[in-house]
């Protein structure tokens, strides 16, 4: 079994989402012996945002007349999509930034959302090609959104990730959430304790018999 561990927060040791992904991966490895873990740190090695050069992968693998920069960007996209497709489990650290996800995480998504690789179009509409995976999103938020109807409509973080992974054909998308981490030390401690219980429950439910 291959597990792809993705972090996107630039806060290093101060990051709640990194704390959560580390806990998820440790629990998963402990209960799924033999799991091979690969770590992708998007704060240190983020792909560039899509531009005229990095859009070359949309022309197909046999495109002619590409510049050296375009070929280099295509290689980045190919490396990322191949890494994603090879994983059985993907653990994604996703802090909420301005009601959505960090731009470096969005840049990674833009690279792996490739027609013909992770989805394709049919006469009935788009169909995902990356099914059969488990995606675990470690979500961190400064405020509380999930249980507050007044703020729920501002959540374009978890809703976006559920939508985009679903578009790629992944139906098994799970969330471990730490909310209210900016609302004082007690609230943060309580959020992390709740997240740890959720992690243990989530991983235990998928442990081999």
N, C-alpha and C. Protein backbone atom coordinates (compact mmCIF):
# COMPACT_ATOMS: atom_id res chain seq x y z
N UNK A 1 0.84 -1.19 0.00
CA UNK A 1 0.00 0.00 0.00
C UNK A 1 0.88 1.24 0.00
N UNK A 2 0.53 2.22 -0.84
CA UNK A 2 1.28 3.46 -0.92
C UNK A 2 0.44 4.62 -0.38
N UNK A 3 1.05 5.42 0.48
CA UNK A 3 0.39 6.57 1.06
C UNK A 3 1.15 7.83 0.66
N UNK A 4 0.46 8.79 0.09
CA UNK A 4 1.03 10.07 -0.28
C UNK A 4 0.64 11.08 0.79
N UNK A 5 1.62 11.62 1.48
CA UNK A 5 1.43 12.57 2.58
C UNK A 5 1.73 13.96 2.04
N UNK A 6 0.72 14.82 1.99
CA UNK A 6 0.87 16.16 1.42
C UNK A 6 0.65 17.22 2.49
N UNK A 7 1.62 18.13 2.63
CA UNK A 7 1.46 19.29 3.49
C UNK A 7 1.49 20.54 2.63
N UNK A 8 0.72 21.55 3.03
CA UNK A 8 0.68 22.78 2.25
C UNK A 8 0.89 24.04 3.08
N UNK A 9 0.89 23.93 4.39
CA UNK A 9 1.06 25.10 5.25
C UNK A 9 2.52 25.53 5.30
N UNK A 10 2.80 26.83 5.21
CA UNK A 10 4.18 27.32 5.33
C UNK A 10 4.62 27.58 6.77
N UNK A 11 3.80 27.19 7.75
CA UNK A 11 4.08 27.55 9.14
C UNK A 11 4.98 26.58 9.87
N UNK A 12 5.49 25.58 9.18
CA UNK A 12 6.43 24.62 9.76
C UNK A 12 5.89 24.06 11.08
N UNK A 13 6.69 24.16 12.16
CA UNK A 13 6.31 23.56 13.43
C UNK A 13 5.13 24.22 14.11
N UNK A 14 4.72 25.40 13.64
CA UNK A 14 3.56 26.08 14.21
C UNK A 14 2.26 25.73 13.49
N UNK A 15 2.33 24.85 12.53
CA UNK A 15 1.16 24.53 11.71
C UNK A 15 0.30 23.46 12.36
N UNK A 16 -0.98 23.76 12.50
CA UNK A 16 -1.93 22.77 13.03
C UNK A 16 -2.19 21.68 11.99
N UNK A 17 -2.31 22.05 10.73
CA UNK A 17 -2.60 21.04 9.70
C UNK A 17 -1.45 20.05 9.56
N UNK A 18 -0.21 20.53 9.72
CA UNK A 18 0.95 19.61 9.67
C UNK A 18 0.93 18.66 10.87
N UNK A 19 0.56 19.18 12.02
CA UNK A 19 0.42 18.33 13.20
C UNK A 19 -0.61 17.24 12.92
N UNK A 20 -1.74 17.62 12.33
CA UNK A 20 -2.79 16.65 12.06
C UNK A 20 -2.37 15.61 11.03
N UNK A 21 -1.71 16.04 9.94
CA UNK A 21 -1.31 15.04 8.93
C UNK A 21 -0.29 14.07 9.52
N UNK A 22 0.63 14.58 10.35
CA UNK A 22 1.61 13.70 10.97
C UNK A 22 0.93 12.66 11.85
N UNK A 23 -0.11 13.08 12.58
CA UNK A 23 -0.84 12.14 13.43
C UNK A 23 -1.59 11.11 12.58
N UNK A 24 -2.21 11.58 11.50
CA UNK A 24 -2.95 10.65 10.63
C UNK A 24 -2.00 9.61 10.05
N UNK A 25 -0.87 10.06 9.51
CA UNK A 25 0.07 9.13 8.88
C UNK A 25 0.62 8.15 9.90
N UNK A 26 0.98 8.63 11.10
CA UNK A 26 1.51 7.74 12.13
C UNK A 26 0.49 6.67 12.52
N UNK A 27 -0.76 7.08 12.69
CA UNK A 27 -1.82 6.12 13.04
C UNK A 27 -2.03 5.13 11.90
N UNK A 28 -2.01 5.63 10.66
CA UNK A 28 -2.24 4.75 9.52
C UNK A 28 -1.14 3.70 9.40
N UNK A 29 0.10 4.13 9.52
CA UNK A 29 1.23 3.20 9.40
C UNK A 29 1.19 2.18 10.53
N UNK A 30 0.82 2.61 11.73
CA UNK A 30 0.77 1.69 12.87
C UNK A 30 -0.29 0.61 12.68
N UNK A 31 -1.39 0.95 12.02
CA UNK A 31 -2.49 -0.01 11.87
C UNK A 31 -2.52 -0.67 10.50
N UNK A 32 -1.65 -0.22 9.59
CA UNK A 32 -1.55 -0.82 8.25
C UNK A 32 -0.09 -1.12 7.97
N UNK A 33 0.43 -2.19 8.56
CA UNK A 33 1.84 -2.53 8.40
C UNK A 33 2.23 -2.65 6.92
N UNK A 34 3.44 -2.20 6.62
CA UNK A 34 3.94 -2.30 5.26
C UNK A 34 3.59 -1.11 4.38
N UNK A 35 2.87 -0.14 4.92
CA UNK A 35 2.53 1.04 4.13
C UNK A 35 3.79 1.82 3.75
N UNK A 36 3.92 2.16 2.48
CA UNK A 36 5.03 2.97 2.00
C UNK A 36 4.57 4.43 1.95
N UNK A 37 5.31 5.30 2.62
CA UNK A 37 4.91 6.71 2.73
C UNK A 37 5.84 7.58 1.90
N UNK A 38 5.25 8.45 1.10
CA UNK A 38 5.99 9.46 0.36
C UNK A 38 5.46 10.82 0.77
N UNK A 39 6.35 11.74 1.08
CA UNK A 39 5.96 13.06 1.58
C UNK A 39 6.16 14.12 0.50
N UNK A 40 5.13 14.90 0.25
CA UNK A 40 5.20 16.03 -0.68
C UNK A 40 4.92 17.29 0.12
N UNK A 41 5.92 18.16 0.23
CA UNK A 41 5.78 19.39 0.99
C UNK A 41 5.61 20.55 0.00
N UNK A 42 4.38 20.99 -0.16
CA UNK A 42 4.09 22.02 -1.15
C UNK A 42 4.55 23.41 -0.70
N UNK A 43 4.86 23.57 0.57
CA UNK A 43 5.41 24.85 1.01
C UNK A 43 6.87 24.98 0.58
N UNK A 44 7.54 23.86 0.40
CA UNK A 44 8.93 23.86 -0.02
C UNK A 44 9.10 23.57 -1.50
N UNK A 45 8.16 22.85 -2.08
CA UNK A 45 8.30 22.41 -3.47
C UNK A 45 6.97 22.52 -4.19
N UNK A 46 6.44 23.74 -4.26
CA UNK A 46 5.15 23.95 -4.91
C UNK A 46 5.34 24.13 -6.41
N UNK A 47 4.47 23.54 -7.22
CA UNK A 47 4.53 23.83 -8.66
C UNK A 47 4.09 25.26 -8.90
N UNK A 48 4.57 25.84 -9.99
CA UNK A 48 4.14 27.19 -10.32
C UNK A 48 2.66 27.18 -10.70
N UNK A 49 2.03 28.32 -10.57
CA UNK A 49 0.65 28.43 -10.99
C UNK A 49 0.57 28.31 -12.51
N UNK A 50 -0.58 27.86 -12.99
CA UNK A 50 -0.71 27.63 -14.43
C UNK A 50 -0.53 28.93 -15.21
N UNK A 51 0.26 28.83 -16.27
CA UNK A 51 0.46 29.95 -17.19
C UNK A 51 0.64 29.38 -18.60
N UNK A 52 1.04 30.19 -19.53
CA UNK A 52 1.13 29.75 -20.93
C UNK A 52 2.12 28.60 -21.10
N UNK A 53 3.12 28.54 -20.23
CA UNK A 53 4.11 27.47 -20.33
C UNK A 53 3.67 26.21 -19.61
N UNK A 54 3.11 26.35 -18.42
CA UNK A 54 2.76 25.16 -17.64
C UNK A 54 1.44 24.53 -18.07
N UNK A 55 0.72 25.16 -19.00
CA UNK A 55 -0.49 24.55 -19.55
C UNK A 55 -0.19 23.55 -20.65
N UNK A 56 1.07 23.33 -20.94
CA UNK A 56 1.44 22.44 -22.05
C UNK A 56 0.92 21.03 -21.93
N UNK A 57 0.73 20.53 -20.68
CA UNK A 57 0.27 19.15 -20.53
C UNK A 57 -1.12 18.96 -21.13
N UNK A 58 -1.87 20.04 -21.28
CA UNK A 58 -3.22 19.93 -21.85
C UNK A 58 -3.18 19.71 -23.36
N UNK A 59 -2.02 19.84 -23.94
CA UNK A 59 -1.89 19.61 -25.38
C UNK A 59 -1.67 18.13 -25.69
N UNK A 60 -1.43 17.33 -24.68
CA UNK A 60 -1.22 15.90 -24.87
C UNK A 60 0.24 15.55 -24.92
N UNK A 61 0.57 14.29 -24.69
CA UNK A 61 1.98 13.87 -24.61
C UNK A 61 2.73 13.95 -25.93
N UNK A 62 2.02 14.01 -27.03
CA UNK A 62 2.69 14.02 -28.34
C UNK A 62 2.75 15.41 -28.96
N UNK A 63 2.49 16.44 -28.16
CA UNK A 63 2.49 17.80 -28.68
C UNK A 63 3.87 18.16 -29.24
N UNK A 64 3.85 18.86 -30.36
CA UNK A 64 5.09 19.24 -31.03
C UNK A 64 5.36 20.73 -30.83
N UNK A 65 6.61 21.09 -30.99
CA UNK A 65 6.98 22.49 -30.97
C UNK A 65 7.00 23.14 -29.60
N UNK A 66 7.10 22.34 -28.54
CA UNK A 66 7.14 22.92 -27.20
C UNK A 66 8.52 23.50 -26.92
N UNK A 67 8.54 24.58 -26.18
CA UNK A 67 9.81 25.19 -25.78
C UNK A 67 10.44 24.37 -24.66
N UNK A 68 11.69 24.67 -24.36
CA UNK A 68 12.36 23.96 -23.27
C UNK A 68 11.66 24.21 -21.94
N UNK A 69 11.18 25.43 -21.73
CA UNK A 69 10.45 25.74 -20.50
C UNK A 69 9.16 24.94 -20.43
N UNK A 70 8.46 24.83 -21.54
CA UNK A 70 7.21 24.07 -21.56
C UNK A 70 7.45 22.59 -21.31
N UNK A 71 8.52 22.05 -21.88
CA UNK A 71 8.84 20.64 -21.63
C UNK A 71 9.19 20.42 -20.16
N UNK A 72 9.88 21.36 -19.59
CA UNK A 72 10.25 21.25 -18.18
C UNK A 72 9.01 21.31 -17.30
N UNK A 73 8.09 22.21 -17.62
CA UNK A 73 6.84 22.30 -16.85
C UNK A 73 5.99 21.05 -17.04
N UNK A 74 5.99 20.50 -18.24
CA UNK A 74 5.25 19.25 -18.48
C UNK A 74 5.80 18.12 -17.61
N UNK A 75 7.12 18.12 -17.43
CA UNK A 75 7.73 17.07 -16.61
C UNK A 75 7.28 17.21 -15.15
N UNK A 76 7.12 18.43 -14.68
CA UNK A 76 6.63 18.66 -13.32
C UNK A 76 5.21 18.11 -13.20
N UNK A 77 4.36 18.44 -14.16
CA UNK A 77 2.97 17.97 -14.12
C UNK A 77 2.91 16.45 -14.19
N UNK A 78 3.74 15.86 -15.01
CA UNK A 78 3.74 14.40 -15.14
C UNK A 78 4.20 13.74 -13.85
N UNK A 79 5.21 14.30 -13.22
CA UNK A 79 5.69 13.75 -11.95
C UNK A 79 4.60 13.79 -10.88
N UNK A 80 3.90 14.90 -10.80
CA UNK A 80 2.88 15.05 -9.77
C UNK A 80 1.67 14.16 -10.02
N UNK A 81 1.21 14.08 -11.27
CA UNK A 81 0.03 13.26 -11.53
C UNK A 81 0.36 11.78 -11.39
N UNK A 82 1.57 11.38 -11.78
CA UNK A 82 1.97 9.97 -11.64
C UNK A 82 2.08 9.59 -10.16
N UNK A 83 2.62 10.50 -9.36
CA UNK A 83 2.74 10.27 -7.92
C UNK A 83 1.36 10.13 -7.29
N UNK A 84 0.44 10.98 -7.69
CA UNK A 84 -0.93 10.93 -7.17
C UNK A 84 -1.63 9.63 -7.58
N UNK A 85 -1.52 9.26 -8.83
CA UNK A 85 -2.20 8.06 -9.32
C UNK A 85 -1.63 6.79 -8.69
N UNK A 86 -0.37 6.81 -8.32
CA UNK A 86 0.26 5.61 -7.75
C UNK A 86 -0.15 5.39 -6.30
N UNK A 87 -0.70 6.41 -5.65
CA UNK A 87 -1.03 6.31 -4.22
C UNK A 87 -2.37 5.61 -4.02
N UNK A 88 -2.42 4.78 -2.99
CA UNK A 88 -3.69 4.16 -2.57
C UNK A 88 -4.42 5.05 -1.57
N UNK A 89 -3.64 5.75 -0.76
CA UNK A 89 -4.17 6.66 0.26
C UNK A 89 -3.46 7.99 0.10
N UNK A 90 -4.23 9.08 0.16
CA UNK A 90 -3.66 10.42 0.08
C UNK A 90 -4.11 11.19 1.32
N UNK A 91 -3.14 11.66 2.10
CA UNK A 91 -3.41 12.47 3.28
C UNK A 91 -3.03 13.90 2.95
N UNK A 92 -4.00 14.80 3.01
CA UNK A 92 -3.80 16.18 2.57
C UNK A 92 -3.96 17.14 3.75
N UNK A 93 -2.92 17.90 4.04
CA UNK A 93 -3.02 18.95 5.04
C UNK A 93 -3.55 20.22 4.39
N UNK A 94 -4.70 20.69 4.86
CA UNK A 94 -5.37 21.82 4.21
C UNK A 94 -5.86 22.83 5.25
N UNK A 95 -5.03 23.82 5.59
CA UNK A 95 -5.52 24.89 6.44
C UNK A 95 -6.48 25.79 5.65
N UNK A 96 -7.41 26.41 6.36
CA UNK A 96 -8.31 27.36 5.70
C UNK A 96 -7.61 28.71 5.59
N UNK A 97 -7.45 29.17 4.35
CA UNK A 97 -6.90 30.50 4.09
C UNK A 97 -7.98 31.32 3.40
N UNK A 98 -8.45 32.35 4.06
CA UNK A 98 -9.45 33.24 3.46
C UNK A 98 -10.63 32.46 2.90
N UNK A 99 -11.11 31.51 3.71
CA UNK A 99 -12.29 30.69 3.42
C UNK A 99 -12.04 29.60 2.37
N UNK A 100 -10.81 29.46 1.90
CA UNK A 100 -10.51 28.44 0.89
C UNK A 100 -9.21 27.73 1.29
N UNK A 101 -8.46 27.26 0.29
CA UNK A 101 -7.23 26.51 0.54
C UNK A 101 -6.02 27.35 0.16
N UNK A 102 -4.83 27.02 0.66
CA UNK A 102 -3.63 27.74 0.26
C UNK A 102 -3.41 27.66 -1.25
N UNK A 103 -2.84 28.70 -1.80
CA UNK A 103 -2.66 28.75 -3.26
C UNK A 103 -1.73 27.64 -3.74
N UNK A 104 -0.77 27.22 -2.90
CA UNK A 104 0.13 26.16 -3.34
C UNK A 104 -0.60 24.81 -3.44
N UNK A 105 -1.61 24.61 -2.60
CA UNK A 105 -2.42 23.39 -2.73
C UNK A 105 -3.28 23.45 -3.98
N UNK A 106 -3.82 24.62 -4.27
CA UNK A 106 -4.60 24.80 -5.50
C UNK A 106 -3.71 24.57 -6.73
N UNK A 107 -2.47 25.03 -6.68
CA UNK A 107 -1.55 24.83 -7.80
C UNK A 107 -1.30 23.35 -8.04
N UNK A 108 -1.19 22.57 -6.95
CA UNK A 108 -1.01 21.11 -7.09
C UNK A 108 -2.24 20.49 -7.72
N UNK A 109 -3.42 20.90 -7.26
CA UNK A 109 -4.66 20.36 -7.83
C UNK A 109 -4.74 20.67 -9.32
N UNK A 110 -4.37 21.88 -9.70
CA UNK A 110 -4.42 22.25 -11.12
C UNK A 110 -3.48 21.38 -11.95
N UNK A 111 -2.40 20.91 -11.37
CA UNK A 111 -1.46 20.05 -12.10
C UNK A 111 -1.96 18.61 -12.23
N UNK A 112 -2.70 18.12 -11.22
CA UNK A 112 -3.13 16.72 -11.29
C UNK A 112 -4.49 16.55 -11.96
N UNK A 113 -5.24 17.63 -12.09
CA UNK A 113 -6.55 17.54 -12.76
C UNK A 113 -6.31 17.58 -14.26
N UNK A 114 -6.01 16.42 -14.82
CA UNK A 114 -5.62 16.32 -16.23
C UNK A 114 -6.62 15.45 -16.98
N UNK A 115 -7.19 16.02 -18.01
CA UNK A 115 -8.08 15.24 -18.88
C UNK A 115 -7.31 14.09 -19.49
N UNK A 116 -7.88 12.90 -19.42
CA UNK A 116 -7.23 11.72 -19.95
C UNK A 116 -6.40 10.98 -18.93
N UNK A 117 -6.10 11.62 -17.79
CA UNK A 117 -5.30 10.98 -16.75
C UNK A 117 -6.13 10.78 -15.49
N UNK A 118 -6.73 11.84 -14.98
CA UNK A 118 -7.50 11.74 -13.75
C UNK A 118 -9.00 11.93 -13.99
N UNK A 119 -9.38 12.35 -15.18
CA UNK A 119 -10.80 12.42 -15.57
C UNK A 119 -10.86 12.47 -17.08
N UNK A 120 -12.02 12.18 -17.61
CA UNK A 120 -12.23 12.37 -19.05
C UNK A 120 -13.67 12.77 -19.30
N UNK A 121 -13.90 13.29 -20.47
CA UNK A 121 -15.24 13.72 -20.85
C UNK A 121 -15.93 12.63 -21.66
N UNK A 122 -17.20 12.40 -21.37
CA UNK A 122 -18.00 11.44 -22.11
C UNK A 122 -19.24 12.14 -22.62
N UNK A 123 -20.04 11.43 -23.40
CA UNK A 123 -21.27 12.03 -23.92
C UNK A 123 -22.25 12.35 -22.80
N UNK A 124 -22.02 11.74 -21.63
CA UNK A 124 -22.88 12.01 -20.48
C UNK A 124 -22.25 12.99 -19.49
N UNK A 125 -21.10 13.54 -19.87
CA UNK A 125 -20.43 14.49 -19.00
C UNK A 125 -19.10 13.95 -18.50
N UNK A 126 -18.42 14.68 -17.61
CA UNK A 126 -17.11 14.25 -17.12
C UNK A 126 -17.20 13.03 -16.22
N UNK A 127 -16.16 12.21 -16.28
CA UNK A 127 -16.09 11.00 -15.47
C UNK A 127 -14.70 10.91 -14.86
N UNK A 128 -14.63 10.69 -13.54
CA UNK A 128 -13.35 10.58 -12.86
C UNK A 128 -12.64 9.28 -13.18
N UNK A 129 -11.32 9.33 -13.21
CA UNK A 129 -10.50 8.16 -13.53
C UNK A 129 -9.59 7.75 -12.37
N UNK A 130 -9.68 8.46 -11.25
CA UNK A 130 -8.75 8.20 -10.14
C UNK A 130 -9.45 7.55 -8.96
N UNK A 131 -10.50 6.80 -9.21
CA UNK A 131 -11.25 6.16 -8.14
C UNK A 131 -10.46 5.06 -7.46
N UNK A 132 -11.03 4.55 -6.37
CA UNK A 132 -10.40 3.46 -5.65
C UNK A 132 -9.43 3.92 -4.58
N UNK A 133 -9.25 5.21 -4.42
CA UNK A 133 -8.35 5.74 -3.40
C UNK A 133 -9.14 6.17 -2.17
N UNK A 134 -8.43 6.28 -1.07
CA UNK A 134 -8.95 6.94 0.13
C UNK A 134 -8.22 8.26 0.28
N UNK A 135 -8.96 9.34 0.39
CA UNK A 135 -8.37 10.65 0.65
C UNK A 135 -8.79 11.10 2.05
N UNK A 136 -7.81 11.45 2.86
CA UNK A 136 -8.07 11.97 4.20
C UNK A 136 -7.56 13.41 4.23
N UNK A 137 -8.45 14.33 4.46
CA UNK A 137 -8.10 15.75 4.51
C UNK A 137 -7.99 16.16 5.97
N UNK A 138 -6.83 16.67 6.36
CA UNK A 138 -6.62 17.23 7.69
C UNK A 138 -6.89 18.72 7.58
N UNK A 139 -8.04 19.12 8.07
CA UNK A 139 -8.53 20.49 7.90
C UNK A 139 -8.35 21.28 9.19
N UNK A 140 -7.78 22.46 9.08
CA UNK A 140 -7.64 23.33 10.25
C UNK A 140 -8.26 24.69 9.95
N UNK A 141 -8.93 25.24 10.96
CA UNK A 141 -9.61 26.53 10.81
C UNK A 141 -9.41 27.36 12.06
N UNK A 142 -9.23 28.64 11.88
CA UNK A 142 -9.11 29.52 13.03
C UNK A 142 -10.42 29.68 13.77
N UNK A 143 -11.53 29.68 13.03
CA UNK A 143 -12.85 29.80 13.63
C UNK A 143 -13.62 28.49 13.55
N UNK A 144 -14.87 28.54 13.92
CA UNK A 144 -15.74 27.37 13.90
C UNK A 144 -16.79 27.57 12.82
N UNK A 145 -16.77 26.68 11.83
CA UNK A 145 -17.66 26.82 10.68
C UNK A 145 -18.67 25.68 10.57
N UNK A 146 -18.26 24.47 10.93
CA UNK A 146 -19.10 23.31 10.66
C UNK A 146 -20.40 23.31 11.45
N UNK A 147 -20.39 23.89 12.64
CA UNK A 147 -21.57 23.85 13.49
C UNK A 147 -22.22 25.22 13.65
N UNK A 148 -21.76 26.18 12.87
CA UNK A 148 -22.29 27.53 12.96
C UNK A 148 -22.99 27.90 11.66
N UNK A 149 -24.31 27.85 11.61
CA UNK A 149 -25.04 28.13 10.36
C UNK A 149 -24.71 29.49 9.77
N UNK A 150 -24.38 30.45 10.61
CA UNK A 150 -24.07 31.79 10.12
C UNK A 150 -22.76 31.83 9.35
N UNK A 151 -21.86 30.86 9.62
CA UNK A 151 -20.56 30.84 8.96
C UNK A 151 -20.40 29.71 7.95
N UNK A 152 -21.33 28.76 7.96
CA UNK A 152 -21.19 27.59 7.09
C UNK A 152 -21.07 27.96 5.62
N UNK A 153 -21.77 29.02 5.21
CA UNK A 153 -21.72 29.42 3.81
C UNK A 153 -20.39 30.00 3.39
N UNK A 154 -19.52 30.29 4.36
CA UNK A 154 -18.20 30.84 4.04
C UNK A 154 -17.17 29.74 3.80
N UNK A 155 -17.54 28.50 4.04
CA UNK A 155 -16.61 27.38 3.89
C UNK A 155 -16.46 26.99 2.42
N UNK A 156 -15.40 27.49 1.80
CA UNK A 156 -15.06 27.08 0.44
C UNK A 156 -13.77 26.25 0.46
N UNK A 157 -13.44 25.74 1.62
CA UNK A 157 -12.25 24.92 1.81
C UNK A 157 -12.62 23.44 1.69
N UNK A 158 -13.37 22.94 2.67
CA UNK A 158 -13.74 21.53 2.64
C UNK A 158 -14.70 21.22 1.50
N UNK A 159 -15.62 22.12 1.22
CA UNK A 159 -16.57 21.87 0.14
C UNK A 159 -15.85 21.78 -1.21
N UNK A 160 -14.84 22.63 -1.40
CA UNK A 160 -14.07 22.59 -2.65
C UNK A 160 -13.30 21.29 -2.78
N UNK A 161 -12.64 20.88 -1.71
CA UNK A 161 -11.83 19.66 -1.77
C UNK A 161 -12.71 18.43 -1.99
N UNK A 162 -13.85 18.39 -1.33
CA UNK A 162 -14.76 17.26 -1.55
C UNK A 162 -15.21 17.22 -3.02
N UNK A 163 -15.50 18.40 -3.57
CA UNK A 163 -15.97 18.48 -4.95
C UNK A 163 -14.88 18.07 -5.93
N UNK A 164 -13.68 18.58 -5.76
CA UNK A 164 -12.63 18.33 -6.74
C UNK A 164 -12.18 16.87 -6.70
N UNK A 165 -12.06 16.28 -5.51
CA UNK A 165 -11.67 14.87 -5.46
C UNK A 165 -12.81 13.99 -5.99
N UNK A 166 -14.05 14.39 -5.74
CA UNK A 166 -15.17 13.66 -6.31
C UNK A 166 -15.17 13.73 -7.82
N UNK A 167 -14.82 14.89 -8.37
CA UNK A 167 -14.73 15.06 -9.81
C UNK A 167 -13.68 14.11 -10.41
N UNK A 168 -12.64 13.84 -9.65
CA UNK A 168 -11.58 12.93 -10.12
C UNK A 168 -11.96 11.46 -9.91
N UNK A 169 -13.15 11.22 -9.39
CA UNK A 169 -13.64 9.85 -9.26
C UNK A 169 -13.47 9.24 -7.88
N UNK A 170 -13.04 10.03 -6.91
CA UNK A 170 -12.77 9.51 -5.57
C UNK A 170 -13.99 9.73 -4.69
N UNK A 171 -14.62 8.65 -4.29
CA UNK A 171 -15.82 8.75 -3.46
C UNK A 171 -15.51 8.66 -1.97
N UNK A 172 -14.35 8.09 -1.63
CA UNK A 172 -13.97 7.91 -0.23
C UNK A 172 -13.10 9.09 0.21
N UNK A 173 -13.75 10.20 0.53
CA UNK A 173 -13.05 11.41 0.99
C UNK A 173 -13.48 11.68 2.42
N UNK A 174 -12.53 11.70 3.33
CA UNK A 174 -12.83 11.85 4.76
C UNK A 174 -12.13 13.09 5.31
N UNK A 175 -12.72 13.67 6.32
CA UNK A 175 -12.17 14.90 6.91
C UNK A 175 -11.90 14.71 8.39
N UNK A 176 -10.72 15.14 8.80
CA UNK A 176 -10.37 15.27 10.21
C UNK A 176 -10.20 16.77 10.43
N UNK A 177 -10.91 17.30 11.38
CA UNK A 177 -11.03 18.75 11.48
C UNK A 177 -10.62 19.26 12.86
N UNK A 178 -9.83 20.35 12.86
CA UNK A 178 -9.54 21.09 14.09
C UNK A 178 -10.02 22.52 13.86
N UNK A 179 -11.09 22.89 14.56
CA UNK A 179 -11.69 24.20 14.38
C UNK A 179 -11.50 25.06 15.63
N UNK A 180 -11.52 26.37 15.42
CA UNK A 180 -11.41 27.28 16.55
C UNK A 180 -10.01 27.39 17.11
N UNK A 181 -8.99 27.05 16.31
CA UNK A 181 -7.63 27.02 16.82
C UNK A 181 -7.06 28.42 17.06
N UNK A 182 -7.74 29.45 16.57
CA UNK A 182 -7.29 30.83 16.82
C UNK A 182 -8.14 31.50 17.90
N UNK A 183 -8.95 30.73 18.58
CA UNK A 183 -9.89 31.30 19.56
C UNK A 183 -9.41 31.12 21.00
N UNK A 184 -8.10 31.02 21.16
CA UNK A 184 -7.52 30.92 22.50
C UNK A 184 -6.92 29.55 22.76
N UNK A 185 -5.99 29.46 23.73
CA UNK A 185 -5.30 28.21 24.03
C UNK A 185 -6.23 27.06 24.40
N UNK A 186 -7.24 27.33 25.18
CA UNK A 186 -8.16 26.26 25.59
C UNK A 186 -8.93 25.71 24.39
N UNK A 187 -9.41 26.61 23.54
CA UNK A 187 -10.15 26.18 22.36
C UNK A 187 -9.27 25.37 21.43
N UNK A 188 -8.02 25.80 21.29
CA UNK A 188 -7.08 25.05 20.43
C UNK A 188 -6.80 23.66 20.99
N UNK A 189 -6.56 23.59 22.29
CA UNK A 189 -6.30 22.29 22.92
C UNK A 189 -7.50 21.35 22.76
N UNK A 190 -8.68 21.88 22.96
CA UNK A 190 -9.89 21.06 22.80
C UNK A 190 -10.05 20.59 21.35
N UNK A 191 -9.73 21.48 20.39
CA UNK A 191 -9.84 21.11 18.98
C UNK A 191 -8.87 19.99 18.62
N UNK A 192 -7.66 20.06 19.15
CA UNK A 192 -6.67 19.03 18.85
C UNK A 192 -7.04 17.71 19.51
N UNK A 193 -7.58 17.76 20.71
CA UNK A 193 -8.03 16.53 21.37
C UNK A 193 -9.15 15.87 20.59
N UNK A 194 -10.10 16.67 20.13
CA UNK A 194 -11.20 16.13 19.33
C UNK A 194 -10.69 15.55 18.02
N UNK A 195 -9.72 16.23 17.41
CA UNK A 195 -9.16 15.74 16.16
C UNK A 195 -8.44 14.41 16.36
N UNK A 196 -7.70 14.29 17.47
CA UNK A 196 -7.00 13.04 17.74
C UNK A 196 -7.98 11.88 17.90
N UNK A 197 -9.08 12.11 18.58
CA UNK A 197 -10.09 11.05 18.73
C UNK A 197 -10.66 10.68 17.35
N UNK A 198 -10.89 11.69 16.53
CA UNK A 198 -11.44 11.43 15.20
C UNK A 198 -10.45 10.64 14.34
N UNK A 199 -9.17 10.96 14.47
CA UNK A 199 -8.14 10.25 13.71
C UNK A 199 -8.10 8.78 14.11
N UNK A 200 -8.09 8.52 15.41
CA UNK A 200 -8.03 7.14 15.89
C UNK A 200 -9.25 6.35 15.41
N UNK A 201 -10.41 6.97 15.45
CA UNK A 201 -11.63 6.30 15.01
C UNK A 201 -11.60 6.04 13.52
N UNK A 202 -11.19 7.04 12.75
CA UNK A 202 -11.16 6.90 11.30
C UNK A 202 -10.20 5.80 10.86
N UNK A 203 -9.01 5.79 11.43
CA UNK A 203 -8.02 4.80 11.02
C UNK A 203 -8.39 3.42 11.50
N UNK A 204 -8.92 3.30 12.71
CA UNK A 204 -9.33 2.00 13.23
C UNK A 204 -10.41 1.37 12.37
N UNK A 205 -11.31 2.19 11.86
CA UNK A 205 -12.40 1.68 11.02
C UNK A 205 -11.90 1.10 9.71
N UNK A 206 -10.69 1.50 9.29
CA UNK A 206 -10.15 1.00 8.02
C UNK A 206 -8.95 0.07 8.23
N UNK A 207 -8.71 -0.32 9.48
CA UNK A 207 -7.60 -1.23 9.75
C UNK A 207 -7.93 -2.62 9.21
N UNK A 208 -6.90 -3.35 8.72
CA UNK A 208 -7.15 -4.69 8.21
C UNK A 208 -7.63 -5.63 9.30
N UNK A 209 -8.49 -6.55 8.94
CA UNK A 209 -9.04 -7.49 9.92
C UNK A 209 -7.98 -8.48 10.37
